[in-house]
Amino acid sequence: MHPDFNITAILAWGSLTWEPKDLNFIKDVGWKNYGPVLPIEFARISNNGRLTLVISENGTPVTTYFALGQLYIKVEDVIIDLQSREGCRAADIGYYIAATETFYPENFPFKNAIMDWAKKEGMENVVWTNLPEKWEYKNENEEIMSVNPDDRIEYLKNLPEDKKKLAEEYIRKAPQQTQTKYRSLIEKELDWTPIEVDINPQFKEALELENKLTFSKMGGIGNLSCLDCHHTESISTFIHGYDFKLKVRCATFGFQCQSCGKFHEVYHNERDGFETIHDCECGGKIENKKAVFCPKCKSENVEFKTRFFS
């Protein structure tokens, strides 16, 4: 293993799989369905009224999911990234660092499940959301109300319609292998049956791109030619080198604006990753994982011929 690599598993069992937002993980690997077995249950009332999944001593043993953090990112930054996605306190992110045998929180009751799994799968670090159960909420009069855990289904039944829709979506979209005791009861009482969600849509996108020109199929500097309108221009797709100031390997990657088609170059080094990726001058998003198209007529019927390769 490269000495600068950090193999960090990010655990999930709920909406993190289908709504990762800006979580930085290796999309080409995606979410895997053989994480550690942990007791999970719908046992936390969120700020918007949803009853969410958390690790619970009274939960059902569930095989969790995991994704891999970017290899060049330190585990401390993965923790901060997950905290940002969850909108929670730093104290609500759990982690295990094998090299120093660090476990947080120290009194986490399911240490062995995570440590044994990490050793088996060769994970150097494991990070997860460690929010506790929560049974209080504010009503429309800003009064703090308490819910008996045994009455959680009644709580869902009595939610205002707008909050009930959010709660239903969350429960129905939960990964199907996250099959808990109360999920079964909720399905029976409220008919909130599972909705299948593609948690790895990037794999479908990869199939769609199989016969299209992408930056991953090009290299160096060359000419992009449109076979429809015959427009031709020189573009840089990928050039690698060495940053002598930082003493690290570096590269420039080609990107294309998805609105106007203008090509851009973005710097990357193995220590810091990509520099800040800004929108195009036109306001469009720039991408390098999409199909390359002609900036003049927007056709994807294009070809690339390399002139210089590094």
C-alpha atoms as a PDB file:
ATOM      1  CA  MET A   1       0.000   0.000   0.000  1.00  0.00           C
ATOM      2  CA  HIS A   2       1.238   3.500  -0.852  1.00  0.00           C
ATOM      3  CA  PRO A   3       2.405   5.185   2.386  1.00  0.00           C
ATOM      4  CA  ASP A   4       0.216   8.230   1.730  1.00  0.00           C
ATOM      5  CA  PHE A   5      -2.958   6.181   1.242  1.00  0.00           C
ATOM      6  CA  ASN A   6      -5.622   6.127   3.947  1.00  0.00           C
ATOM      7  CA  ILE A   7      -8.197   3.361   3.630  1.00  0.00           C
ATOM      8  CA  THR A   8     -11.171   4.822   5.468  1.00  0.00           C
ATOM      9  CA  ALA A   9     -14.592   3.180   5.497  1.00  0.00           C
ATOM     10  CA  ILE A  10     -17.642   5.428   5.918  1.00  0.00           C
ATOM     11  CA  LEU A  11     -20.520   3.427   7.404  1.00  0.00           C
ATOM     12  CA  ALA A  12     -24.172   3.985   6.525  1.00  0.00           C
ATOM     13  CA  TRP A  13     -27.559   2.375   7.078  1.00  0.00           C
ATOM     14  CA  GLY A  14     -30.041   5.098   6.116  1.00  0.00           C
ATOM     15  CA  SER A  15     -30.335   8.229   3.998  1.00  0.00           C
ATOM     16  CA  LEU A  16     -26.566   8.636   3.644  1.00  0.00           C
ATOM     17  CA  THR A  17     -26.706   5.893   0.996  1.00  0.00           C
ATOM     18  CA  TRP A  18     -29.381   7.488  -1.177  1.00  0.00           C
ATOM     19  CA  GLU A  19     -28.750  11.135  -0.336  1.00  0.00           C
ATOM     20  CA  PRO A  20     -25.003  11.571   0.301  1.00  0.00           C
ATOM     21  CA  LYS A  21     -25.188  15.239  -0.788  1.00  0.00           C
ATOM     22  CA  ASP A  22     -21.612  16.568  -0.980  1.00  0.00           C
ATOM     23  CA  LEU A  23     -20.008  13.691   0.924  1.00  0.00           C
ATOM     24  CA  ASN A  24     -16.581  13.057  -0.584  1.00  0.00           C
ATOM     25  CA  PHE A  25     -16.163   9.340  -1.240  1.00  0.00           C
ATOM     26  CA  ILE A  26     -14.883   7.160  -4.079  1.00  0.00           C
ATOM     27  CA  LYS A  27     -17.880   7.121  -6.409  1.00  0.00           C
ATOM     28  CA  ASP A  28     -16.302   4.512  -8.707  1.00  0.00           C
ATOM     29  CA  VAL A  29     -16.421   2.050  -5.797  1.00  0.00           C
ATOM     30  CA  GLY A  30     -19.815   3.207  -4.538  1.00  0.00           C
ATOM     31  CA  TRP A  31     -21.758   1.848  -1.580  1.00  0.00           C
ATOM     32  CA  LYS A  32     -21.050  -1.755  -0.632  1.00  0.00           C
ATOM     33  CA  ASN A  33     -23.594  -3.844   1.275  1.00  0.00           C
ATOM     34  CA  TYR A  34     -21.309  -5.885   3.541  1.00  0.00           C
ATOM     35  CA  GLY A  35     -20.406  -3.473   6.332  1.00  0.00           C
ATOM     36  CA  PRO A  36     -20.264  -4.490  10.007  1.00  0.00           C
ATOM     37  CA  VAL A  37     -23.384  -5.810  11.696  1.00  0.00           C
ATOM     38  CA  LEU A  38     -24.728  -3.173  14.110  1.00  0.00           C
ATOM     39  CA  PRO A  39     -28.029  -2.787  16.025  1.00  0.00           C
ATOM     40  CA  ILE A  40     -30.085  -0.211  14.114  1.00  0.00           C
ATOM     41  CA  GLU A  41     -33.567   1.188  14.712  1.00  0.00           C
ATOM     42  CA  PHE A  42     -35.871   4.114  13.900  1.00  0.00           C
ATOM     43  CA  ALA A  43     -35.207   5.834  17.204  1.00  0.00           C
ATOM     44  CA  ARG A  44     -34.365   9.508  16.709  1.00  0.00           C
ATOM     45  CA  ILE A  45     -36.819  12.335  16.080  1.00  0.00           C
ATOM     46  CA  SER A  46     -35.095  14.806  13.787  1.00  0.00           C
ATOM     47  CA  ASN A  47     -35.679  18.557  13.620  1.00  0.00           C
ATOM     48  CA  ASN A  48     -38.081  18.164  10.694  1.00  0.00           C
ATOM     49  CA  GLY A  49     -40.129  15.493  12.455  1.00  0.00           C
ATOM     50  CA  ARG A  50     -38.745  12.424  10.704  1.00  0.00           C
ATOM     51  CA  LEU A  51     -38.089   9.301  12.750  1.00  0.00           C
ATOM     52  CA  THR A  52     -34.564   8.416  11.694  1.00  0.00           C
ATOM     53  CA  LEU A  53     -32.283   5.407  11.919  1.00  0.00           C
ATOM     54  CA  VAL A  54     -29.530   5.350  14.537  1.00  0.00           C
ATOM     55  CA  ILE A  55     -27.367   2.829  16.330  1.00  0.00           C
ATOM     56  CA  SER A  56     -29.445   1.662  19.290  1.00  0.00           C
ATOM     57  CA  GLU A  57     -28.831  -0.876  22.034  1.00  0.00           C
ATOM     58  CA  ASN A  58     -32.466  -1.928  21.470  1.00  0.00           C
ATOM     59  CA  GLY A  59     -32.029  -2.095  17.707  1.00  0.00           C
ATOM     60  CA  THR A  60     -32.152  -4.991  15.282  1.00  0.00           C
ATOM     61  CA  PRO A  61     -28.794  -6.428  14.120  1.00  0.00           C
ATOM     62  CA  VAL A  62     -28.392  -5.121  10.586  1.00  0.00           C
ATOM     63  CA  THR A  63     -25.628  -5.554   8.038  1.00  0.00           C
ATOM     64  CA  THR A  64     -24.639  -1.974   7.278  1.00  0.00           C
ATOM     65  CA  TYR A  65     -23.271  -0.364   4.116  1.00  0.00           C
ATOM     66  CA  PHE A  66     -19.944   1.340   3.606  1.00  0.00           C
ATOM     67  CA  ALA A  67     -18.167   3.566   1.110  1.00  0.00           C
ATOM     68  CA  LEU A  68     -14.483   4.460   0.910  1.00  0.00           C
ATOM     69  CA  GLY A  69     -13.168   7.939   1.605  1.00  0.00           C
ATOM     70  CA  GLN A  70     -10.760   9.367  -0.963  1.00  0.00           C
ATOM     71  CA  LEU A  71      -7.424   7.591  -0.502  1.00  0.00           C
ATOM     72  CA  TYR A  72      -5.315  10.742  -0.216  1.00  0.00           C
ATOM     73  CA  ILE A  73      -7.587  12.354   2.396  1.00  0.00           C
ATOM     74  CA  LYS A  74      -6.649  12.055   6.061  1.00  0.00           C
ATOM     75  CA  VAL A  75      -9.145  10.375   8.356  1.00  0.00           C
ATOM     76  CA  GLU A  76      -9.525  13.638  10.286  1.00  0.00           C
ATOM     77  CA  ASP A  77     -10.800  15.303   7.115  1.00  0.00           C
ATOM     78  CA  VAL A  78     -13.188  12.420   6.414  1.00  0.00           C
ATOM     79  CA  ILE A  79     -14.619  12.941   9.907  1.00  0.00           C
ATOM     80  CA  ILE A  80     -15.110  16.666   9.243  1.00  0.00           C
ATOM     81  CA  ASP A  81     -16.683  15.913   5.867  1.00  0.00           C
ATOM     82  CA  LEU A  82     -19.190  13.473   7.363  1.00  0.00           C
ATOM     83  CA  GLN A  83     -19.986  15.949  10.141  1.00  0.00           C
ATOM     84  CA  SER A  84     -20.680  18.609   7.501  1.00  0.00           C
ATOM     85  CA  ARG A  85     -23.018  16.312   5.582  1.00  0.00           C
ATOM     86  CA  GLU A  86     -24.916  15.356   8.737  1.00  0.00           C
ATOM     87  CA  GLY A  87     -25.065  18.903  10.112  1.00  0.00           C
ATOM     88  CA  CYS A  88     -24.188  17.603  13.556  1.00  0.00           C
ATOM     89  CA  ARG A  89     -21.602  18.226  16.277  1.00  0.00           C
ATOM     90  CA  ALA A  90     -18.095  16.793  16.011  1.00  0.00           C
ATOM     91  CA  ALA A  91     -18.923  14.763  19.122  1.00  0.00           C
ATOM     92  CA  ASP A  92     -21.632  12.943  17.132  1.00  0.00           C
ATOM     93  CA  ILE A  93     -19.179  11.333  14.696  1.00  0.00           C
ATOM     94  CA  GLY A  94     -17.685   8.030  15.798  1.00  0.00           C
ATOM     95  CA  TYR A  95     -14.381   6.712  14.517  1.00  0.00           C
ATOM     96  CA  TYR A  96     -11.853   3.915  14.839  1.00  0.00           C
ATOM     97  CA  ILE A  97      -8.194   4.363  13.844  1.00  0.00           C
ATOM     98  CA  ALA A  98      -6.456   0.983  13.744  1.00  0.00           C
ATOM     99  CA  ALA A  99      -2.871   2.292  13.662  1.00  0.00           C
ATOM    100  CA  THR A 100      -3.211   3.981  17.070  1.00  0.00           C
ATOM    101  CA  GLU A 101      -6.039   1.775  18.348  1.00  0.00           C
ATOM    102  CA  THR A 102      -8.064   4.944  18.883  1.00  0.00           C
ATOM    103  CA  PHE A 103     -11.787   4.502  19.378  1.00  0.00           C
ATOM    104  CA  TYR A 104     -14.306   7.313  19.790  1.00  0.00           C
ATOM    105  CA  PRO A 105     -16.425   7.362  21.789  1.00  0.00           C
ATOM    106  CA  GLU A 106     -14.370   5.311  24.223  1.00  0.00           C
ATOM    107  CA  ASN A 107     -17.479   3.752  25.758  1.00  0.00           C
ATOM    108  CA  PHE A 108     -18.965   2.741  22.392  1.00  0.00           C
ATOM    109  CA  PRO A 109     -20.698  -0.583  23.190  1.00  0.00           C
ATOM    110  CA  PHE A 110     -20.105  -2.236  19.811  1.00  0.00           C
ATOM    111  CA  LYS A 111     -16.342  -1.810  19.458  1.00  0.00           C
ATOM    112  CA  ASN A 112     -15.657  -5.450  18.686  1.00  0.00           C
ATOM    113  CA  ALA A 113     -18.121  -5.510  15.783  1.00  0.00           C
ATOM    114  CA  ILE A 114     -16.310  -2.620  14.097  1.00  0.00           C
ATOM    115  CA  MET A 115     -12.753  -3.656  14.969  1.00  0.00           C
ATOM    116  CA  ASP A 116     -13.278  -7.255  13.844  1.00  0.00           C
ATOM    117  CA  TRP A 117     -14.871  -6.125  10.599  1.00  0.00           C
ATOM    118  CA  ALA A 118     -12.128  -3.554   9.930  1.00  0.00           C
ATOM    119  CA  LYS A 119      -9.444  -6.198  10.437  1.00  0.00           C
ATOM    120  CA  LYS A 120     -11.237  -8.675   8.185  1.00  0.00           C
ATOM    121  CA  GLU A 121     -11.754  -6.138   5.375  1.00  0.00           C
ATOM    122  CA  GLY A 122      -8.349  -4.441   5.701  1.00  0.00           C
ATOM    123  CA  MET A 123      -9.751  -1.053   6.742  1.00  0.00           C
ATOM    124  CA  GLU A 124      -7.294   1.293   8.453  1.00  0.00           C
ATOM    125  CA  ASN A 125     -10.000   3.659   9.670  1.00  0.00           C
ATOM    126  CA  VAL A 126     -13.754   3.473  10.148  1.00  0.00           C
ATOM    127  CA  VAL A 127     -16.027   6.519  10.488  1.00  0.00           C
ATOM    128  CA  TRP A 128     -19.746   6.629  11.238  1.00  0.00           C
ATOM    129  CA  THR A 129     -22.582   8.897  12.398  1.00  0.00           C
ATOM    130  CA  ASN A 130     -23.047   8.314  16.108  1.00  0.00           C
ATOM    131  CA  LEU A 131     -26.159  10.351  16.871  1.00  0.00           C
ATOM    132  CA  PRO A 132     -28.027   9.124  19.969  1.00  0.00           C
ATOM    133  CA  GLU A 133     -31.680   8.245  20.318  1.00  0.00           C
ATOM    134  CA  LYS A 134     -33.909  11.309  20.725  1.00  0.00           C
ATOM    135  CA  TRP A 135     -37.543  11.256  21.804  1.00  0.00           C
ATOM    136  CA  GLU A 136     -38.302  14.942  22.299  1.00  0.00           C
ATOM    137  CA  TYR A 137     -39.550  17.495  19.774  1.00  0.00           C
ATOM    138  CA  LYS A 138     -41.109  20.944  19.685  1.00  0.00           C
ATOM    139  CA  ASN A 139     -44.755  21.252  18.720  1.00  0.00           C
ATOM    140  CA  GLU A 140     -46.302  24.134  16.763  1.00  0.00           C
ATOM    141  CA  ASN A 141     -46.386  26.179  19.992  1.00  0.00           C
ATOM    142  CA  GLU A 142     -42.645  25.622  20.564  1.00  0.00           C
ATOM    143  CA  GLU A 143     -43.475  23.404  23.549  1.00  0.00           C
ATOM    144  CA  ILE A 144     -41.135  20.492  24.186  1.00  0.00           C
ATOM    145  CA  MET A 145     -43.026  17.217  23.842  1.00  0.00           C
ATOM    146  CA  SER A 146     -41.814  13.745  24.773  1.00  0.00           C
ATOM    147  CA  VAL A 147     -42.625  10.482  22.987  1.00  0.00           C
ATOM    148  CA  ASN A 148     -42.590   7.094  24.659  1.00  0.00           C
ATOM    149  CA  PRO A 149     -40.465   4.826  22.416  1.00  0.00           C
ATOM    150  CA  ASP A 150     -43.272   2.261  22.533  1.00  0.00           C
ATOM    151  CA  ASP A 151     -45.558   4.864  20.935  1.00  0.00           C
ATOM    152  CA  ARG A 152     -43.344   5.754  17.982  1.00  0.00           C
ATOM    153  CA  ILE A 153     -45.876   4.491  15.427  1.00  0.00           C
ATOM    154  CA  GLU A 154     -48.619   6.620  16.996  1.00  0.00           C
ATOM    155  CA  TYR A 155     -46.210   9.555  16.785  1.00  0.00           C
ATOM    156  CA  LEU A 156     -45.869   8.965  13.033  1.00  0.00           C
ATOM    157  CA  LYS A 157     -49.630   8.619  12.593  1.00  0.00           C
ATOM    158  CA  ASN A 158     -50.275  11.964  14.276  1.00  0.00           C
ATOM    159  CA  LEU A 159     -47.693  14.041  12.425  1.00  0.00           C
ATOM    160  CA  PRO A 160     -48.946  17.074  10.420  1.00  0.00           C
ATOM    161  CA  GLU A 161     -49.318  16.139   6.753  1.00  0.00           C
ATOM    162  CA  ASP A 162     -46.215  17.997   5.569  1.00  0.00           C
ATOM    163  CA  LYS A 163     -43.993  16.340   8.159  1.00  0.00           C
ATOM    164  CA  LYS A 164     -45.698  12.989   7.668  1.00  0.00           C
ATOM    165  CA  LYS A 165     -44.719  13.045   3.979  1.00  0.00           C
ATOM    166  CA  LEU A 166     -41.070  13.614   4.885  1.00  0.00           C
ATOM    167  CA  ALA A 167     -41.197  10.857   7.498  1.00  0.00           C
ATOM    168  CA  GLU A 168     -42.802   8.440   5.051  1.00  0.00           C
ATOM    169  CA  GLU A 169     -40.228   9.172   2.349  1.00  0.00           C
ATOM    170  CA  TYR A 170     -37.351   8.605   4.763  1.00  0.00           C
ATOM    171  CA  ILE A 171     -38.683   5.275   6.033  1.00  0.00           C
ATOM    172  CA  ARG A 172     -39.724   3.935   2.633  1.00  0.00           C
ATOM    173  CA  LYS A 173     -36.390   4.863   1.029  1.00  0.00           C
ATOM    174  CA  ALA A 174     -34.301   3.266   3.777  1.00  0.00           C
ATOM    175  CA  PRO A 175     -32.079   0.545   2.268  1.00  0.00           C
ATOM    176  CA  GLN A 176     -34.036  -2.678   2.023  1.00  0.00           C
ATOM    177  CA  GLN A 177     -31.462  -4.681   3.954  1.00  0.00           C
ATOM    178  CA  THR A 178     -31.946  -2.250   6.867  1.00  0.00           C
ATOM    179  CA  GLN A 179     -34.864  -4.403   8.006  1.00  0.00           C
ATOM    180  CA  THR A 180     -35.574  -3.561  11.635  1.00  0.00           C
ATOM    181  CA  LYS A 181     -38.291  -4.609  14.062  1.00  0.00           C
ATOM    182  CA  TYR A 182     -40.086  -1.267  13.827  1.00  0.00           C
ATOM    183  CA  ARG A 183     -39.719  -1.049  10.080  1.00  0.00           C
ATOM    184  CA  SER A 184     -41.784  -4.227   9.811  1.00  0.00           C
ATOM    185  CA  LEU A 185     -44.363  -2.842  12.241  1.00  0.00           C
ATOM    186  CA  ILE A 186     -44.550   0.498  10.418  1.00  0.00           C
ATOM    187  CA  GLU A 187     -45.066  -1.279   7.099  1.00  0.00           C
ATOM    188  CA  LYS A 188     -47.900  -3.274   8.647  1.00  0.00           C
ATOM    189  CA  GLU A 189     -49.579  -0.351  10.454  1.00  0.00           C
ATOM    190  CA  LEU A 190     -49.053   2.480   7.936  1.00  0.00           C
ATOM    191  CA  ASP A 191     -48.503   0.573   4.692  1.00  0.00           C
ATOM    192  CA  TRP A 192     -45.211   2.445   4.200  1.00  0.00           C
ATOM    193  CA  THR A 193     -43.684  -0.245   2.029  1.00  0.00           C
ATOM    194  CA  PRO A 194     -40.083   0.061   0.759  1.00  0.00           C
ATOM    195  CA  ILE A 195     -39.261   2.147  -2.290  1.00  0.00           C
ATOM    196  CA  GLU A 196     -36.285   0.801  -4.201  1.00  0.00           C
ATOM    197  CA  VAL A 197     -33.620   3.484  -4.606  1.00  0.00           C
ATOM    198  CA  ASP A 198     -30.534   3.169  -6.766  1.00  0.00           C
ATOM    199  CA  ILE A 199     -27.763   4.002  -4.289  1.00  0.00           C
ATOM    200  CA  ASN A 200     -25.074   3.704  -6.961  1.00  0.00           C
ATOM    201  CA  PRO A 201     -26.490   5.661  -9.932  1.00  0.00           C
ATOM    202  CA  GLN A 202     -22.938   6.298 -11.146  1.00  0.00           C
ATOM    203  CA  PHE A 203     -22.713   2.679 -12.316  1.00  0.00           C
ATOM    204  CA  LYS A 204     -25.695   3.218 -14.629  1.00  0.00           C
ATOM    205  CA  GLU A 205     -24.091   6.434 -15.847  1.00  0.00           C
ATOM    206  CA  ALA A 206     -20.883   4.504 -16.570  1.00  0.00           C
ATOM    207  CA  LEU A 207     -22.801   2.077 -18.783  1.00  0.00           C
ATOM    208  CA  GLU A 208     -24.419   4.981 -20.623  1.00  0.00           C
ATOM    209  CA  LEU A 209     -20.959   6.478 -21.213  1.00  0.00           C
ATOM    210  CA  GLU A 210     -19.438   3.226 -22.436  1.00  0.00           C
ATOM    211  CA  ASN A 211     -19.701   4.145 -26.124  1.00  0.00           C
ATOM    212  CA  LYS A 212     -19.147   7.876 -25.685  1.00  0.00           C
ATOM    213  CA  LEU A 213     -15.963   9.922 -25.580  1.00  0.00           C
ATOM    214  CA  THR A 214     -14.963  10.902 -22.040  1.00  0.00           C
ATOM    215  CA  PHE A 215     -11.873  12.482 -20.520  1.00  0.00           C
ATOM    216  CA  SER A 216     -10.940   9.081 -19.052  1.00  0.00           C
ATOM    217  CA  LYS A 217     -10.516   7.769 -22.624  1.00  0.00           C
ATOM    218  CA  MET A 218      -8.224  10.614 -23.662  1.00  0.00           C
ATOM    219  CA  GLY A 219      -4.811  11.790 -22.573  1.00  0.00           C
ATOM    220  CA  GLY A 220      -2.353  14.572 -23.217  1.00  0.00           C
ATOM    221  CA  ILE A 221      -3.046  17.507 -25.535  1.00  0.00           C
ATOM    222  CA  GLY A 222      -4.772  17.006 -28.851  1.00  0.00           C
ATOM    223  CA  ASN A 223      -7.491  18.029 -31.285  1.00  0.00           C
ATOM    224  CA  LEU A 224     -11.168  17.470 -30.597  1.00  0.00           C
ATOM    225  CA  SER A 225     -13.158  17.287 -33.846  1.00  0.00           C
ATOM    226  CA  CYS A 226     -16.902  17.250 -34.319  1.00  0.00           C
ATOM    227  CA  LEU A 227     -18.032  14.768 -36.960  1.00  0.00           C
ATOM    228  CA  ASP A 228     -21.320  16.651 -37.425  1.00  0.00           C
ATOM    229  CA  CYS A 229     -20.449  20.347 -37.741  1.00  0.00           C
ATOM    230  CA  HIS A 230     -16.671  19.802 -38.333  1.00  0.00           C
ATOM    231  CA  HIS A 231     -15.654  22.210 -35.585  1.00  0.00           C
ATOM    232  CA  THR A 232     -12.104  21.484 -34.333  1.00  0.00           C
ATOM    233  CA  GLU A 233     -10.190  22.867 -31.384  1.00  0.00           C
ATOM    234  CA  SER A 234      -7.128  21.985 -29.324  1.00  0.00           C
ATOM    235  CA  ILE A 235      -7.828  20.798 -25.794  1.00  0.00           C
ATOM    236  CA  SER A 236      -5.808  19.551 -22.814  1.00  0.00           C
ATOM    237  CA  THR A 237      -7.231  16.357 -21.327  1.00  0.00           C
ATOM    238  CA  PHE A 238      -4.625  15.157 -18.833  1.00  0.00           C
ATOM    239  CA  ILE A 239      -1.003  16.161 -18.221  1.00  0.00           C
ATOM    240  CA  HIS A 240       0.970  14.812 -15.286  1.00  0.00           C
ATOM    241  CA  GLY A 241       4.153  16.154 -13.741  1.00  0.00           C
ATOM    242  CA  TYR A 242       5.946  16.944 -10.499  1.00  0.00           C
ATOM    243  CA  ASP A 243       5.495  19.975  -8.261  1.00  0.00           C
ATOM    244  CA  PHE A 244       9.061  20.704  -7.154  1.00  0.00           C
ATOM    245  CA  LYS A 245       7.938  23.358  -4.693  1.00  0.00           C
ATOM    246  CA  LEU A 246       5.612  20.986  -2.835  1.00  0.00           C
ATOM    247  CA  LYS A 247       7.683  17.896  -3.704  1.00  0.00           C
ATOM    248  CA  VAL A 248       4.647  15.915  -4.795  1.00  0.00           C
ATOM    249  CA  ARG A 249       3.302  14.485  -8.037  1.00  0.00           C
ATOM    250  CA  CYS A 250       0.765  16.668  -9.761  1.00  0.00           C
ATOM    251  CA  ALA A 251      -1.414  16.843 -12.858  1.00  0.00           C
ATOM    252  CA  THR A 252      -3.835  19.030 -14.757  1.00  0.00           C
ATOM    253  CA  PHE A 253      -7.164  17.490 -15.678  1.00  0.00           C
ATOM    254  CA  GLY A 254      -9.475  18.522 -18.469  1.00  0.00           C
ATOM    255  CA  PHE A 255     -13.015  19.624 -17.610  1.00  0.00           C
ATOM    256  CA  GLN A 256     -15.875  20.859 -19.774  1.00  0.00           C
ATOM    257  CA  CYS A 257     -18.674  23.292 -18.986  1.00  0.00           C
ATOM    258  CA  GLN A 258     -21.974  21.455 -19.263  1.00  0.00           C
ATOM    259  CA  SER A 259     -23.752  24.636 -20.423  1.00  0.00           C
ATOM    260  CA  CYS A 260     -21.590  26.425 -22.990  1.00  0.00           C
ATOM    261  CA  GLY A 261     -19.107  23.615 -23.725  1.00  0.00           C
ATOM    262  CA  LYS A 262     -15.957  25.600 -22.927  1.00  0.00           C
ATOM    263  CA  PHE A 263     -12.972  23.472 -21.882  1.00  0.00           C
ATOM    264  CA  HIS A 264     -11.089  24.129 -18.640  1.00  0.00           C
ATOM    265  CA  GLU A 265      -7.949  22.838 -16.917  1.00  0.00           C
ATOM    266  CA  VAL A 266      -7.925  22.067 -13.181  1.00  0.00           C
ATOM    267  CA  TYR A 267      -4.768  21.493 -11.149  1.00  0.00           C
ATOM    268  CA  HIS A 268      -4.416  18.499  -8.814  1.00  0.00           C
ATOM    269  CA  ASN A 269      -1.651  17.217  -6.577  1.00  0.00           C
ATOM    270  CA  GLU A 270      -1.427  14.044  -4.525  1.00  0.00           C
ATOM    271  CA  ARG A 271      -1.143  15.938  -1.233  1.00  0.00           C
ATOM    272  CA  ASP A 272      -4.015  18.414  -1.472  1.00  0.00           C
ATOM    273  CA  GLY A 273      -6.189  16.920  -4.206  1.00  0.00           C
ATOM    274  CA  PHE A 274      -7.977  19.224  -6.644  1.00  0.00           C
ATOM    275  CA  GLU A 275      -7.741  22.980  -6.363  1.00  0.00           C
ATOM    276  CA  THR A 276     -11.082  24.716  -5.888  1.00  0.00           C
ATOM    277  CA  ILE A 277     -13.260  23.905  -8.887  1.00  0.00           C
ATOM    278  CA  HIS A 278     -15.180  27.010  -9.902  1.00  0.00           C
ATOM    279  CA  ASP A 279     -18.162  27.317 -12.221  1.00  0.00           C
ATOM    280  CA  CYS A 280     -17.579  28.414 -15.807  1.00  0.00           C
ATOM    281  CA  GLU A 281     -17.692  32.109 -16.649  1.00  0.00           C
ATOM    282  CA  CYS A 282     -21.150  31.494 -18.114  1.00  0.00           C
ATOM    283  CA  GLY A 283     -22.354  30.157 -14.760  1.00  0.00           C
ATOM    284  CA  GLY A 284     -22.447  26.532 -15.882  1.00  0.00           C
ATOM    285  CA  LYS A 285     -21.002  23.602 -13.965  1.00  0.00           C
ATOM    286  CA  ILE A 286     -17.754  22.101 -15.201  1.00  0.00           C
ATOM    287  CA  GLU A 287     -17.383  18.301 -15.182  1.00  0.00           C
ATOM    288  CA  ASN A 288     -14.850  15.704 -16.227  1.00  0.00           C
ATOM    289  CA  LYS A 289     -16.942  12.553 -15.714  1.00  0.00           C
ATOM    290  CA  LYS A 290     -19.532  13.325 -18.399  1.00  0.00           C
ATOM    291  CA  ALA A 291     -19.508  12.678 -22.146  1.00  0.00           C
ATOM    292  CA  VAL A 292     -17.432  15.218 -24.068  1.00  0.00           C
ATOM    293  CA  PHE A 293     -19.424  17.177 -26.665  1.00  0.00           C
ATOM    294  CA  CYS A 294     -18.817  19.730 -29.378  1.00  0.00           C
ATOM    295  CA  PRO A 295     -18.859  23.230 -27.846  1.00  0.00           C
ATOM    296  CA  LYS A 296     -20.289  24.640 -31.063  1.00  0.00           C
ATOM    297  CA  CYS A 297     -23.228  22.352 -31.945  1.00  0.00           C
ATOM    298  CA  LYS A 298     -23.367  20.296 -28.691  1.00  0.00           C
ATOM    299  CA  SER A 299     -23.153  16.986 -30.577  1.00  0.00           C
ATOM    300  CA  GLU A 300     -21.545  14.030 -28.785  1.00  0.00           C
ATOM    301  CA  ASN A 301     -20.416  12.662 -32.162  1.00  0.00           C
ATOM    302  CA  VAL A 302     -16.817  13.748 -31.645  1.00  0.00           C
ATOM    303  CA  GLU A 303     -13.339  12.257 -31.869  1.00  0.00           C
ATOM    304  CA  PHE A 304      -9.986  13.100 -30.275  1.00  0.00           C
ATOM    305  CA  LYS A 305      -6.479  12.766 -31.693  1.00  0.00           C
ATOM    306  CA  THR A 306      -3.515  13.169 -29.349  1.00  0.00           C
ATOM    307  CA  ARG A 307      -0.680  15.474 -30.428  1.00  0.00           C
ATOM    308  CA  PHE A 308       1.347  15.483 -27.222  1.00  0.00           C
ATOM    309  CA  PHE A 309       1.308  13.035 -24.340  1.00  0.00           C
ATOM    310  CA  SER A 310       2.892  13.359 -20.895  1.00  0.00           C
END
